[in-house]
């Protein structure tokens, strides 16, 4: 192969590598810091409209250890959830506007229509695979960081 063809191939390869790295960085993530100094990074779907918040993780049969759904609300308040049509047990992590965990519901029962909430106002709720919070040492007071998630224009 001639030198110019190799240079073109190298350029195309580097371009694809760069685009791939940008795509990886643009995925919304939630990073939770634990008291033991560990961090749990989760790739999340963002529920920032009434329709997305209403659907949530209903009808899902799988959720990876590193996946979740982040519910964004326009303001802090009492957030209430249920598990109707949700076949997976979930941990619900309630997060205040200061990005600290204010409450956790562990192992929410699949298909339950019981209202689930915590006694402290929150603005964000992260749903993850049931049991993961305890296994990873996630507790009330842990700080949370959002990556590639816009908090502007959250719909009521």
C-alpha atoms as a PDB file:
ATOM      1  CA  UNK A   1       0.000   0.000   0.000  1.00  0.00           C
ATOM      2  CA  UNK A   2       1.300   3.445  -0.774  1.00  0.00           C
ATOM      3  CA  UNK A   3       2.075   6.014   1.893  1.00  0.00           C
ATOM      4  CA  UNK A   4      -0.869   8.314   1.026  1.00  0.00           C
ATOM      5  CA  UNK A   5      -3.334   5.414   1.319  1.00  0.00           C
ATOM      6  CA  UNK A   6      -1.891   4.519   4.735  1.00  0.00           C
ATOM      7  CA  UNK A   7      -2.194   8.131   5.854  1.00  0.00           C
ATOM      8  CA  UNK A   8      -5.815   8.236   4.720  1.00  0.00           C
ATOM      9  CA  UNK A   9      -6.582   4.999   6.575  1.00  0.00           C
ATOM     10  CA  UNK A  10      -4.870   6.331   9.686  1.00  0.00           C
ATOM     11  CA  UNK A  11      -6.856   9.571   9.457  1.00  0.00           C
ATOM     12  CA  UNK A  12     -10.152   7.700   9.041  1.00  0.00           C
ATOM     13  CA  UNK A  13      -9.289   5.404  11.966  1.00  0.00           C
ATOM     14  CA  UNK A  14      -8.442   8.355  14.226  1.00  0.00           C
ATOM     15  CA  UNK A  15     -11.622  10.146  13.188  1.00  0.00           C
ATOM     16  CA  UNK A  16     -13.759   7.117  14.064  1.00  0.00           C
ATOM     17  CA  UNK A  17     -11.917   6.714  17.360  1.00  0.00           C
ATOM     18  CA  UNK A  18     -12.491  10.374  18.228  1.00  0.00           C
ATOM     19  CA  UNK A  19     -16.199  10.229  17.314  1.00  0.00           C
ATOM     20  CA  UNK A  20     -16.548   7.052  19.373  1.00  0.00           C
ATOM     21  CA  UNK A  21     -14.960   8.687  22.397  1.00  0.00           C
ATOM     22  CA  UNK A  22     -17.247  11.696  22.068  1.00  0.00           C
ATOM     23  CA  UNK A  23     -20.287   9.419  21.867  1.00  0.00           C
ATOM     24  CA  UNK A  24     -19.217   7.621  25.049  1.00  0.00           C
ATOM     25  CA  UNK A  25     -18.798  10.892  26.900  1.00  0.00           C
ATOM     26  CA  UNK A  26     -22.217  12.171  25.909  1.00  0.00           C
ATOM     27  CA  UNK A  27     -24.185   9.425  27.658  1.00  0.00           C
ATOM     28  CA  UNK A  28     -26.025  10.712  30.714  1.00  0.00           C
ATOM     29  CA  UNK A  29     -24.487   9.352  33.911  1.00  0.00           C
ATOM     30  CA  UNK A  30     -25.074   9.581  37.625  1.00  0.00           C
ATOM     31  CA  UNK A  31     -22.048   9.123  39.864  1.00  0.00           C
ATOM     32  CA  UNK A  32     -22.630   8.384  43.552  1.00  0.00           C
ATOM     33  CA  UNK A  33     -19.788   8.783  46.044  1.00  0.00           C
ATOM     34  CA  UNK A  34     -19.946   6.478  49.067  1.00  0.00           C
ATOM     35  CA  UNK A  35     -18.608   7.097  52.564  1.00  0.00           C
ATOM     36  CA  UNK A  36     -15.971   4.403  52.033  1.00  0.00           C
ATOM     37  CA  UNK A  37     -14.494   6.499  49.222  1.00  0.00           C
ATOM     38  CA  UNK A  38     -15.900   4.389  46.403  1.00  0.00           C
ATOM     39  CA  UNK A  39     -17.894   5.621  43.460  1.00  0.00           C
ATOM     40  CA  UNK A  40     -20.722   4.026  41.549  1.00  0.00           C
ATOM     41  CA  UNK A  41     -21.192   5.326  37.991  1.00  0.00           C
ATOM     42  CA  UNK A  42     -24.492   4.528  36.323  1.00  0.00           C
ATOM     43  CA  UNK A  43     -25.552   5.137  32.756  1.00  0.00           C
ATOM     44  CA  UNK A  44     -29.082   6.527  32.960  1.00  0.00           C
ATOM     45  CA  UNK A  45     -32.104   7.277  30.887  1.00  0.00           C
ATOM     46  CA  UNK A  46     -33.462  10.699  31.786  1.00  0.00           C
ATOM     47  CA  UNK A  47     -37.158  11.169  32.547  1.00  0.00           C
ATOM     48  CA  UNK A  48     -37.601  14.942  32.324  1.00  0.00           C
ATOM     49  CA  UNK A  49     -41.144  15.259  30.939  1.00  0.00           C
ATOM     50  CA  UNK A  50     -44.479  14.214  32.462  1.00  0.00           C
ATOM     51  CA  UNK A  51     -44.863  11.451  29.851  1.00  0.00           C
ATOM     52  CA  UNK A  52     -41.410   9.993  30.500  1.00  0.00           C
ATOM     53  CA  UNK A  53     -41.861  10.235  34.284  1.00  0.00           C
ATOM     54  CA  UNK A  54     -45.251   8.532  34.026  1.00  0.00           C
ATOM     55  CA  UNK A  55     -43.879   5.603  32.006  1.00  0.00           C
ATOM     56  CA  UNK A  56     -40.666   5.206  33.985  1.00  0.00           C
ATOM     57  CA  UNK A  57     -39.309   1.666  33.948  1.00  0.00           C
ATOM     58  CA  UNK A  58     -42.697   0.002  33.474  1.00  0.00           C
ATOM     59  CA  UNK A  59     -42.725  -3.118  31.296  1.00  0.00           C
ATOM     60  CA  UNK A  60     -38.934  -3.537  31.511  1.00  0.00           C
ATOM     61  CA  UNK A  61     -37.708  -7.068  32.113  1.00  0.00           C
ATOM     62  CA  UNK A  62     -34.012  -6.249  32.403  1.00  0.00           C
ATOM     63  CA  UNK A  63     -31.867  -3.581  33.992  1.00  0.00           C
ATOM     64  CA  UNK A  64     -28.091  -3.848  34.175  1.00  0.00           C
ATOM     65  CA  UNK A  65     -26.005  -3.317  37.300  1.00  0.00           C
ATOM     66  CA  UNK A  66     -24.661  -0.115  35.770  1.00  0.00           C
ATOM     67  CA  UNK A  67     -27.971   1.246  34.459  1.00  0.00           C
ATOM     68  CA  UNK A  68     -30.847   3.239  35.835  1.00  0.00           C
ATOM     69  CA  UNK A  69     -33.429   5.917  35.210  1.00  0.00           C
ATOM     70  CA  UNK A  70     -33.132   9.432  36.593  1.00  0.00           C
ATOM     71  CA  UNK A  71     -36.375  11.318  37.171  1.00  0.00           C
ATOM     72  CA  UNK A  72     -35.978  15.093  37.024  1.00  0.00           C
ATOM     73  CA  UNK A  73     -38.624  17.313  38.590  1.00  0.00           C
ATOM     74  CA  UNK A  74     -38.846  21.095  38.108  1.00  0.00           C
ATOM     75  CA  UNK A  75     -38.686  21.756  41.861  1.00  0.00           C
ATOM     76  CA  UNK A  76     -38.060  20.053  45.155  1.00  0.00           C
ATOM     77  CA  UNK A  77     -41.048  18.438  46.861  1.00  0.00           C
ATOM     78  CA  UNK A  78     -42.588  15.178  48.035  1.00  0.00           C
ATOM     79  CA  UNK A  79     -42.088  12.738  45.145  1.00  0.00           C
ATOM     80  CA  UNK A  80     -44.287   9.641  45.062  1.00  0.00           C
ATOM     81  CA  UNK A  81     -43.833   6.480  42.987  1.00  0.00           C
ATOM     82  CA  UNK A  82     -45.465   3.107  42.491  1.00  0.00           C
ATOM     83  CA  UNK A  83     -44.449  -0.121  40.789  1.00  0.00           C
ATOM     84  CA  UNK A  84     -47.535  -0.754  38.669  1.00  0.00           C
ATOM     85  CA  UNK A  85     -46.572  -2.684  35.512  1.00  0.00           C
ATOM     86  CA  UNK A  86     -42.945  -2.865  36.671  1.00  0.00           C
ATOM     87  CA  UNK A  87     -41.746  -6.492  36.819  1.00  0.00           C
ATOM     88  CA  UNK A  88     -38.321  -5.720  38.334  1.00  0.00           C
ATOM     89  CA  UNK A  89     -37.589  -4.959  41.989  1.00  0.00           C
ATOM     90  CA  UNK A  90     -36.022  -1.502  42.151  1.00  0.00           C
ATOM     91  CA  UNK A  91     -34.155   0.656  44.620  1.00  0.00           C
ATOM     92  CA  UNK A  92     -35.412   4.240  44.553  1.00  0.00           C
ATOM     93  CA  UNK A  93     -32.854   6.837  45.558  1.00  0.00           C
ATOM     94  CA  UNK A  94     -34.330  10.241  46.393  1.00  0.00           C
ATOM     95  CA  UNK A  95     -31.938  13.147  45.826  1.00  0.00           C
ATOM     96  CA  UNK A  96     -32.312  16.716  47.059  1.00  0.00           C
ATOM     97  CA  UNK A  97     -31.663  19.836  45.010  1.00  0.00           C
ATOM     98  CA  UNK A  98     -28.254  20.024  46.743  1.00  0.00           C
ATOM     99  CA  UNK A  99     -27.373  16.682  45.050  1.00  0.00           C
ATOM    100  CA  UNK A 100     -27.242  14.679  48.278  1.00  0.00           C
ATOM    101  CA  UNK A 101     -29.251  11.514  48.869  1.00  0.00           C
ATOM    102  CA  UNK A 102     -32.164  12.237  51.225  1.00  0.00           C
ATOM    103  CA  UNK A 103     -33.842   8.816  51.243  1.00  0.00           C
ATOM    104  CA  UNK A 104     -33.776   5.329  49.787  1.00  0.00           C
ATOM    105  CA  UNK A 105     -36.505   2.776  49.243  1.00  0.00           C
ATOM    106  CA  UNK A 106     -34.891  -0.637  48.969  1.00  0.00           C
ATOM    107  CA  UNK A 107     -36.282  -3.476  46.859  1.00  0.00           C
ATOM    108  CA  UNK A 108     -39.613  -1.908  45.824  1.00  0.00           C
ATOM    109  CA  UNK A 109     -42.059  -4.754  45.203  1.00  0.00           C
ATOM    110  CA  UNK A 110     -42.834  -5.435  41.526  1.00  0.00           C
ATOM    111  CA  UNK A 111     -46.378  -4.643  40.309  1.00  0.00           C
ATOM    112  CA  UNK A 112     -47.362  -2.966  43.598  1.00  0.00           C
ATOM    113  CA  UNK A 113     -49.693   0.039  43.451  1.00  0.00           C
ATOM    114  CA  UNK A 114     -48.706   1.172  46.952  1.00  0.00           C
ATOM    115  CA  UNK A 115     -47.461   4.751  46.957  1.00  0.00           C
ATOM    116  CA  UNK A 116     -43.740   4.941  47.764  1.00  0.00           C
ATOM    117  CA  UNK A 117     -42.139   8.111  49.100  1.00  0.00           C
ATOM    118  CA  UNK A 118     -39.663   9.337  51.702  1.00  0.00           C
ATOM    119  CA  UNK A 119     -40.382  11.936  54.423  1.00  0.00           C
ATOM    120  CA  UNK A 120     -37.839  14.440  53.059  1.00  0.00           C
ATOM    121  CA  UNK A 121     -38.393  16.612  49.950  1.00  0.00           C
ATOM    122  CA  UNK A 122     -36.406  15.692  46.848  1.00  0.00           C
ATOM    123  CA  UNK A 123     -36.030  17.007  43.311  1.00  0.00           C
ATOM    124  CA  UNK A 124     -34.541  13.947  41.649  1.00  0.00           C
ATOM    125  CA  UNK A 125     -35.161  10.223  41.950  1.00  0.00           C
ATOM    126  CA  UNK A 126     -32.814   7.548  40.652  1.00  0.00           C
ATOM    127  CA  UNK A 127     -34.203   4.073  40.058  1.00  0.00           C
ATOM    128  CA  UNK A 128     -31.673   1.245  39.933  1.00  0.00           C
ATOM    129  CA  UNK A 129     -31.672  -2.536  40.128  1.00  0.00           C
ATOM    130  CA  UNK A 130     -33.135  -3.735  43.429  1.00  0.00           C
ATOM    131  CA  UNK A 131     -30.521  -4.510  46.076  1.00  0.00           C
ATOM    132  CA  UNK A 132     -27.731  -2.562  44.379  1.00  0.00           C
ATOM    133  CA  UNK A 133     -27.839   0.268  46.946  1.00  0.00           C
ATOM    134  CA  UNK A 134     -27.017  -2.032  49.834  1.00  0.00           C
ATOM    135  CA  UNK A 135     -24.420  -4.025  47.877  1.00  0.00           C
ATOM    136  CA  UNK A 136     -22.565  -0.841  46.891  1.00  0.00           C
ATOM    137  CA  UNK A 137     -22.860   0.962  50.246  1.00  0.00           C
ATOM    138  CA  UNK A 138     -25.132   3.762  49.045  1.00  0.00           C
ATOM    139  CA  UNK A 139     -26.606   5.666  51.995  1.00  0.00           C
ATOM    140  CA  UNK A 140     -28.523   8.798  52.889  1.00  0.00           C
ATOM    141  CA  UNK A 141     -26.139  11.762  52.798  1.00  0.00           C
ATOM    142  CA  UNK A 142     -23.968  10.444  49.957  1.00  0.00           C
ATOM    143  CA  UNK A 143     -23.196  13.111  47.355  1.00  0.00           C
ATOM    144  CA  UNK A 144     -24.297  12.612  43.757  1.00  0.00           C
ATOM    145  CA  UNK A 145     -22.924  14.068  40.534  1.00  0.00           C
ATOM    146  CA  UNK A 146     -24.763  14.306  37.204  1.00  0.00           C
ATOM    147  CA  UNK A 147     -22.772  14.090  33.984  1.00  0.00           C
ATOM    148  CA  UNK A 148     -24.160  15.113  30.584  1.00  0.00           C
ATOM    149  CA  UNK A 149     -27.554  15.872  32.115  1.00  0.00           C
ATOM    150  CA  UNK A 150     -29.194  19.247  31.632  1.00  0.00           C
ATOM    151  CA  UNK A 151     -31.273  20.591  34.525  1.00  0.00           C
ATOM    152  CA  UNK A 152     -32.739  23.375  32.391  1.00  0.00           C
ATOM    153  CA  UNK A 153     -36.171  23.161  30.816  1.00  0.00           C
ATOM    154  CA  UNK A 154     -37.542  20.352  32.980  1.00  0.00           C
ATOM    155  CA  UNK A 155     -41.251  20.112  32.164  1.00  0.00           C
ATOM    156  CA  UNK A 156     -43.986  20.225  34.810  1.00  0.00           C
END
